[in-house]
Amino acid sequence: MQQAIESLIYVLAFIAMVVAVQGVAGIIYSSRDSVERTNRRLTMLASGMARSDVYAALVRRPLEAPGKNAVVARYYNRLVLYYRQAGLEGSPLQALSFVGIAAIGLWLASFLLLRGGGLTGLILNAVIALPASLTLCSLAFFMWLGHRRVRRLKQLEEQMPLALDVINRALRAGHPVVSAVRLAGEEMGDPIGSEFGLVVDETTYGYEFREALVNFARRTGAPDAHFFAVSIGVQSETGGNLAEILEGLATVIRSRTMLGKRVKALSSEGRASALLLSALPAFLIAFILMTQPTYYTSKTSDPIFWPVAAGVFASYLVGLLLIRRIINFRY
C-alpha cells in the first residue's frame, strides 16, 4: 500500500511538473508572439515616446572616437558600424569594458591553476596569463558579435523581398514612394520595420529620400539594401515604372537568397572545419598560457624556439588566408 502511494505521488509530481513547464512555455511564447507582431520602433512610439526621441534612440549615429589619432578614430568608427550592424545599441566602449572585466575575472580564476616556483614564478606566470585571458575573452566577444551581425543580415535578406512586395502593392494602389515605405515599416517586424521607419523619419527631418536610403544601406550593411537604394536613385533620375523595377528586384533577391542557401548547405562542412581550424589553435594556446605559462616560456632560451615559433605563426596566417579564400564564395 505504501509503495502504491509513493508511486502515485511520483506520478502526480511528474504531471505537475509537466503542466508547470507547459504553462511557463505558453506564457513565454505568447509574450514573444505579441512582441514579434510589431517592431521596436512602433513599440517605442506606442509607449508614449516622442518621434524625435525614438529617432535619437534608434538612429545609427557615429560615436566619437576615444582618441584624436586618425588611425584609432578610423578603426573605432569601423567597430561602431560593425556594432550597429549587429543590432546593438550604446557604445562599443561599454562592451569592451565588460570584456576587460571578464578577462580580469578569468585571470584571477586562473591563479587556482597556476604553478610556479615561489613568489617569482607566480608573478611571472600571472603576467603571462593576463594577455592570455584577455585574448580568450576578446575572441569570445568578437565571435559572438559576428554571430549577431550575420544573424541580423540574414533576417534582413529574408524580409527584404516581402517588404518590396508591400511597397510594390502600395505603389500600384497610388501611394507615393515615401508613403509606401512608411506602410512597409508599419507592417513589417524587426529589423527591417524599424529601419524603414528610420528612413521615413530622416525624410521628415530634412534628408532627401535617396540620401536616407543610402544611410539605410550603410547602417545595415546588407547588399540587398544597397540594391534597393541604387534602384530608387536610378529611377528618380531616369524615370520609369518603379513598381516593375521593385518587382524585378524582389525576384532577383529571392533567387539570390535561394542560391546562397544552396551554396551554404553544400559548403557547410567546409565552413565548419574552417571555423574549427581557425579558432582552435588560438583558444588552445591562450588556454595553455593562462593555466601553465611555463609550458612555452621554459623553452624560450633554446635557440631554435623563436625560428620555429615564427614559422608556425607564419604558417597559421597563410592557412587563415587560404581557408578564407576557399570558403568565401561570391554569388
Protein backbone atom coordinates (compact mmCIF):
# COMPACT_ATOMS: atom_id res chain seq x y z
CA MET A 1 0.00 0.00 0.00
CA GLN A 2 2.80 2.39 0.91
CA GLN A 3 4.63 1.65 -2.36
CA ALA A 4 1.45 2.37 -4.33
CA ILE A 5 1.03 5.71 -2.55
CA GLU A 6 4.67 6.64 -3.24
CA SER A 7 4.29 5.71 -6.90
CA LEU A 8 1.12 7.80 -7.12
CA ILE A 9 2.95 10.74 -5.55
CA TYR A 10 5.76 10.44 -8.10
CA VAL A 11 3.27 10.29 -10.97
CA LEU A 12 1.38 13.33 -9.70
CA ALA A 13 4.63 15.24 -9.18
CA PHE A 14 5.68 14.42 -12.74
CA ILE A 15 2.30 15.56 -14.10
CA ALA A 16 2.51 18.78 -12.07
CA MET A 17 5.99 19.45 -13.40
CA VAL A 18 4.86 18.89 -16.99
CA VAL A 19 1.88 21.21 -16.53
CA ALA A 20 4.08 23.88 -14.92
CA VAL A 21 6.65 23.72 -17.74
CA GLN A 22 3.89 23.86 -20.34
CA GLY A 23 2.31 26.88 -18.63
CA VAL A 24 5.60 28.76 -18.41
CA ALA A 25 6.40 27.93 -22.03
CA GLY A 26 2.95 29.14 -23.10
CA ILE A 27 3.45 32.44 -21.31
CA ILE A 28 6.90 32.91 -22.84
CA TYR A 29 5.79 32.07 -26.37
CA SER A 30 2.66 34.20 -26.14
CA SER A 31 4.66 37.21 -24.98
CA ARG A 32 7.21 36.58 -27.71
CA ASP A 33 4.46 36.43 -30.34
CA SER A 34 2.99 39.69 -29.10
CA VAL A 35 6.39 41.35 -29.37
CA GLU A 36 7.16 39.90 -32.80
CA ARG A 37 3.86 41.14 -34.23
CA THR A 38 5.29 44.66 -34.26
CA ASN A 39 8.74 46.21 -34.39
CA ARG A 40 10.83 48.02 -31.85
CA ARG A 41 10.20 51.47 -33.27
CA LEU A 42 6.41 51.11 -33.17
CA THR A 43 6.62 49.69 -29.67
CA MET A 44 8.57 52.74 -28.50
CA LEU A 45 6.07 55.06 -30.19
CA ALA A 46 3.14 53.22 -28.61
CA SER A 47 4.74 53.62 -25.18
CA GLY A 48 4.37 57.40 -25.46
CA MET A 49 7.84 58.42 -26.62
CA ALA A 50 8.10 61.34 -28.97
CA ARG A 51 9.06 60.60 -32.57
CA SER A 52 12.25 62.65 -32.22
CA ASP A 53 13.25 60.70 -29.09
CA VAL A 54 12.65 57.40 -30.86
CA TYR A 55 14.75 58.57 -33.79
CA ALA A 56 17.54 59.69 -31.46
CA ALA A 57 17.48 56.32 -29.68
CA LEU A 58 17.49 54.15 -32.80
CA VAL A 59 19.38 56.09 -35.44
CA ARG A 60 22.88 54.83 -36.15
CA ARG A 61 24.85 57.98 -35.36
CA PRO A 62 28.66 57.62 -35.31
CA LEU A 63 30.06 57.98 -31.82
CA GLU A 64 33.17 59.99 -31.07
CA ALA A 65 36.43 58.09 -31.03
CA PRO A 66 38.20 57.76 -27.65
CA GLY A 67 41.28 59.50 -29.02
CA LYS A 68 42.35 62.13 -31.56
CA ASN A 69 44.56 59.77 -33.51
CA ALA A 70 43.31 59.31 -37.08
CA VAL A 71 44.11 55.58 -37.18
CA VAL A 72 42.37 54.96 -33.85
CA ALA A 73 39.36 57.00 -34.98
CA ARG A 74 39.11 55.06 -38.26
CA TYR A 75 39.19 51.67 -36.57
CA TYR A 76 36.83 52.86 -33.85
CA ASN A 77 34.30 54.11 -36.40
CA ARG A 78 34.57 50.78 -38.18
CA LEU A 79 33.91 49.00 -34.89
CA VAL A 80 30.92 51.27 -34.22
CA LEU A 81 29.45 50.47 -37.64
CA TYR A 82 30.01 46.74 -37.11
CA TYR A 83 28.46 47.04 -33.66
CA ARG A 84 25.39 48.82 -35.04
CA GLN A 85 25.00 46.34 -37.88
CA ALA A 86 24.67 43.65 -35.23
CA GLY A 87 21.59 45.47 -33.93
CA LEU A 88 23.20 46.58 -30.66
CA GLU A 89 22.68 49.96 -29.02
CA GLY A 90 25.00 52.04 -26.90
CA SER A 91 28.74 52.48 -27.18
CA PRO A 92 31.16 49.67 -28.06
CA LEU A 93 33.38 51.01 -25.26
CA GLN A 94 30.86 49.64 -22.76
CA ALA A 95 31.07 46.19 -24.33
CA LEU A 96 34.87 46.38 -24.42
CA SER A 97 34.86 47.36 -20.74
CA PHE A 98 32.80 44.26 -19.95
CA VAL A 99 35.32 42.21 -21.93
CA GLY A 100 38.11 43.69 -19.82
CA ILE A 101 36.25 42.91 -16.59
CA ALA A 102 35.61 39.35 -17.75
CA ALA A 103 39.29 38.98 -18.69
CA ILE A 104 40.36 40.17 -15.23
CA GLY A 105 37.92 37.76 -13.62
CA LEU A 106 39.22 34.89 -15.74
CA TRP A 107 42.78 35.95 -14.92
CA LEU A 108 42.03 35.90 -11.18
CA ALA A 109 40.38 32.49 -11.54
CA SER A 110 43.47 31.20 -13.33
CA PHE A 111 45.50 31.71 -10.14
CA LEU A 112 43.95 28.47 -8.91
CA LEU A 113 45.63 26.64 -11.80
CA LEU A 114 48.94 28.50 -11.94
CA ARG A 115 52.09 26.65 -10.98
CA GLY A 116 55.39 28.28 -10.32
CA GLY A 117 58.39 28.07 -8.11
CA GLY A 118 57.98 30.56 -5.30
CA LEU A 119 56.83 34.15 -5.46
CA THR A 120 58.92 35.00 -8.53
CA GLY A 121 57.48 32.14 -10.56
CA LEU A 122 53.96 33.01 -9.52
CA ILE A 123 54.40 36.64 -10.59
CA LEU A 124 55.90 35.60 -13.93
CA ASN A 125 53.09 33.16 -14.58
CA ALA A 126 50.48 35.76 -13.63
CA VAL A 127 51.99 38.31 -16.03
CA ILE A 128 51.90 35.79 -18.87
CA ALA A 129 48.37 34.63 -18.00
CA LEU A 130 46.91 38.14 -18.20
CA PRO A 131 47.22 38.62 -22.01
CA ALA A 132 46.08 35.03 -22.49
CA SER A 133 42.88 35.74 -20.52
CA LEU A 134 42.35 38.94 -22.49
CA THR A 135 42.80 37.03 -25.76
CA LEU A 136 40.26 34.38 -24.78
CA CYS A 137 37.62 36.94 -23.76
CA SER A 138 38.25 39.09 -26.84
CA LEU A 139 37.93 36.14 -29.21
CA ALA A 140 34.73 35.03 -27.50
CA PHE A 141 33.27 38.55 -27.70
CA PHE A 142 34.08 39.13 -31.36
CA MET A 143 32.79 35.68 -32.31
CA TRP A 144 29.52 36.48 -30.51
CA LEU A 145 29.36 39.91 -32.16
CA GLY A 146 29.97 38.41 -35.60
CA HIS A 147 27.25 35.84 -35.00
CA ARG A 148 24.79 38.58 -34.03
CA ARG A 149 25.66 40.58 -37.16
CA VAL A 150 25.35 37.60 -39.51
CA ARG A 151 22.01 36.64 -37.97
CA ARG A 152 20.65 40.17 -38.39
CA LEU A 153 21.84 40.38 -42.01
CA LYS A 154 20.16 37.05 -42.66
CA GLN A 155 16.90 38.40 -41.24
CA LEU A 156 17.19 41.46 -43.47
CA GLU A 157 17.75 39.30 -46.54
CA GLU A 158 14.68 37.21 -45.73
CA GLN A 159 12.49 40.26 -45.04
CA MET A 160 13.57 42.42 -47.97
CA PRO A 161 11.53 40.64 -50.71
CA LEU A 162 8.41 40.76 -48.53
CA ALA A 163 8.96 44.46 -47.83
CA LEU A 164 9.44 45.15 -51.55
CA ASP A 165 6.16 43.35 -52.25
CA VAL A 166 4.39 45.60 -49.72
CA ILE A 167 5.94 48.70 -51.31
CA ASN A 168 5.08 47.44 -54.79
CA ARG A 169 1.40 46.90 -53.91
CA ALA A 170 1.23 50.33 -52.27
CA LEU A 171 2.71 51.97 -55.36
CA ARG A 172 0.25 50.20 -57.65
CA ALA A 173 -2.55 51.41 -55.36
CA GLY A 174 -1.46 55.01 -55.92
CA HIS A 175 0.65 55.76 -52.83
CA PRO A 176 3.80 57.88 -53.21
CA VAL A 177 7.06 56.04 -52.61
CA VAL A 178 7.70 57.57 -49.15
CA SER A 179 4.19 56.61 -48.04
CA ALA A 180 4.76 53.09 -49.41
CA VAL A 181 7.98 52.78 -47.41
CA ARG A 182 6.14 54.05 -44.31
CA LEU A 183 3.48 51.38 -44.83
CA ALA A 184 6.16 48.68 -45.11
CA GLY A 185 7.79 49.97 -41.94
CA GLU A 186 4.48 49.69 -40.09
CA GLU A 187 3.61 46.24 -41.42
CA MET A 188 7.00 44.52 -41.14
CA GLY A 189 8.74 43.38 -37.99
CA ASP A 190 12.29 43.97 -36.89
CA PRO A 191 14.86 44.60 -38.14
CA ILE A 192 13.57 45.94 -41.45
CA GLY A 193 10.44 47.51 -39.97
CA SER A 194 12.40 49.79 -37.67
CA GLU A 195 14.95 50.54 -40.39
CA PHE A 196 12.26 51.61 -42.87
CA GLY A 197 10.70 53.71 -40.13
CA LEU A 198 14.05 55.44 -39.63
CA VAL A 199 14.18 56.13 -43.38
CA VAL A 200 10.80 57.87 -43.18
CA ASP A 201 11.90 59.78 -40.06
CA GLU A 202 15.03 61.02 -41.84
CA THR A 203 12.97 62.28 -44.78
CA THR A 204 10.70 64.04 -42.27
CA TYR A 205 13.68 65.74 -40.62
CA GLY A 206 15.07 67.16 -43.87
CA TYR A 207 17.07 64.40 -45.59
CA GLU A 208 16.43 63.70 -49.24
CA PHE A 209 14.79 60.34 -49.80
CA ARG A 210 17.76 59.00 -51.77
CA GLU A 211 20.16 60.14 -49.05
CA ALA A 212 18.01 58.45 -46.40
CA LEU A 213 18.12 55.22 -48.40
CA VAL A 214 21.92 55.47 -48.68
CA ASN A 215 22.11 55.86 -44.90
CA PHE A 216 19.82 52.86 -44.54
CA ALA A 217 22.09 50.76 -46.75
CA ARG A 218 25.21 51.91 -44.90
CA ARG A 219 23.97 51.31 -41.36
CA THR A 220 22.56 47.86 -42.16
CA GLY A 221 25.44 46.61 -44.31
CA ALA A 222 23.11 44.36 -46.33
CA PRO A 223 23.84 44.07 -50.08
CA ASP A 224 20.11 43.96 -50.84
CA ALA A 225 19.69 47.32 -49.09
CA HIS A 226 22.31 48.79 -51.43
CA PHE A 227 20.44 47.34 -54.44
CA PHE A 228 17.23 48.93 -53.20
CA ALA A 229 18.88 52.33 -52.67
CA VAL A 230 20.52 52.24 -56.11
CA SER A 231 17.25 51.23 -57.79
CA ILE A 232 15.37 54.15 -56.22
CA GLY A 233 18.21 56.55 -57.08
CA VAL A 234 18.42 55.47 -60.71
CA GLN A 235 14.63 55.58 -61.16
CA SER A 236 14.39 59.05 -59.66
CA GLU A 237 16.96 60.34 -62.20
CA THR A 238 15.97 58.44 -65.33
CA GLY A 239 12.28 57.76 -64.74
CA GLY A 240 10.40 54.54 -65.39
CA ASN A 241 7.87 52.29 -63.71
CA LEU A 242 9.12 51.97 -60.13
CA ALA A 243 6.65 49.18 -59.32
CA GLU A 244 8.04 46.98 -62.09
CA ILE A 245 11.60 47.79 -61.03
CA LEU A 246 10.91 46.77 -57.43
CA GLU A 247 9.07 43.65 -58.57
CA GLY A 248 12.10 42.60 -60.60
CA LEU A 249 14.40 43.43 -57.70
CA ALA A 250 12.31 41.29 -55.33
CA THR A 251 12.56 38.38 -57.78
CA VAL A 252 16.33 38.80 -58.07
CA ILE A 253 16.74 38.96 -54.27
CA ARG A 254 14.64 35.80 -53.81
CA SER A 255 16.67 33.93 -56.41
CA ARG A 256 19.91 35.17 -54.88
CA THR A 257 18.77 34.11 -51.40
CA MET A 258 17.85 30.63 -52.65
CA LEU A 259 21.23 30.31 -54.36
CA GLY A 260 23.00 31.48 -51.21
CA LYS A 261 21.20 28.93 -49.06
CA ARG A 262 22.06 26.18 -51.54
CA VAL A 263 25.73 27.20 -51.55
CA LYS A 264 25.82 27.34 -47.74
CA ALA A 265 24.20 23.92 -47.49
CA LEU A 266 26.74 22.38 -49.85
CA SER A 267 29.68 24.09 -48.13
CA SER A 268 28.53 23.73 -44.52
CA GLU A 269 31.06 21.01 -43.72
CA GLY A 270 33.94 23.01 -45.14
CA ARG A 271 32.91 26.19 -43.32
CA ALA A 272 32.58 24.33 -40.01
CA SER A 273 36.01 22.79 -40.49
CA ALA A 274 37.45 26.20 -41.37
CA LEU A 275 36.00 27.76 -38.22
CA LEU A 276 37.35 24.96 -36.07
CA LEU A 277 40.80 25.03 -37.63
CA SER A 278 40.99 28.82 -37.35
CA ALA A 279 39.75 29.26 -33.79
CA LEU A 280 41.05 26.13 -32.07
CA PRO A 281 44.81 26.95 -32.17
CA ALA A 282 44.28 30.44 -30.77
CA PHE A 283 42.00 29.22 -27.99
CA LEU A 284 44.30 26.32 -27.17
CA ILE A 285 47.46 28.43 -26.96
CA ALA A 286 45.69 31.10 -24.89
CA PHE A 287 44.32 28.47 -22.51
CA ILE A 288 47.74 26.86 -22.07
CA LEU A 289 49.37 30.22 -21.41
CA MET A 290 46.68 31.03 -18.87
CA THR A 291 46.87 27.75 -16.96
CA GLN A 292 50.53 26.71 -17.45
CA PRO A 293 52.58 29.71 -18.62
CA THR A 294 55.89 27.91 -18.19
CA TYR A 295 54.87 25.39 -20.85
CA TYR A 296 56.28 27.74 -23.51
CA THR A 297 58.42 30.19 -21.53
CA SER A 298 60.69 27.41 -20.32
CA LYS A 299 61.72 26.78 -23.93
CA THR A 300 62.46 30.38 -24.93
CA SER A 301 66.17 30.02 -24.10
CA ASP A 302 66.55 27.34 -26.77
CA PRO A 303 67.99 28.96 -29.94
CA ILE A 304 65.64 27.01 -32.19
CA PHE A 305 62.49 28.09 -30.34
CA TRP A 306 61.97 31.52 -31.94
CA PRO A 307 62.57 30.43 -35.56
CA VAL A 308 60.14 27.55 -35.10
CA ALA A 309 57.58 29.84 -33.40
CA ALA A 310 57.87 32.39 -36.21
CA GLY A 311 57.47 29.66 -38.82
CA VAL A 312 54.40 28.25 -37.07
CA PHE A 313 52.84 31.71 -36.79
CA ALA A 314 53.51 32.45 -40.47
CA SER A 315 52.04 29.09 -41.46
CA TYR A 316 48.97 29.84 -39.36
CA LEU A 317 48.45 33.19 -41.11
CA VAL A 318 48.91 31.62 -44.54
CA GLY A 319 46.43 28.90 -43.58
CA LEU A 320 43.90 31.50 -42.48
CA LEU A 321 44.18 33.33 -45.81
CA LEU A 322 43.89 30.11 -47.82
CA ILE A 323 40.89 28.91 -45.81
CA ARG A 324 39.20 32.27 -46.24
CA ARG A 325 39.73 32.14 -50.00
CA ILE A 326 38.36 28.61 -50.15
CA ILE A 327 35.15 29.22 -48.18
CA ASN A 328 34.47 32.80 -49.34
CA PHE A 329 32.02 32.18 -52.17
CA ARG A 330 30.94 35.04 -54.40
CA TYR A 331 27.47 34.68 -55.84
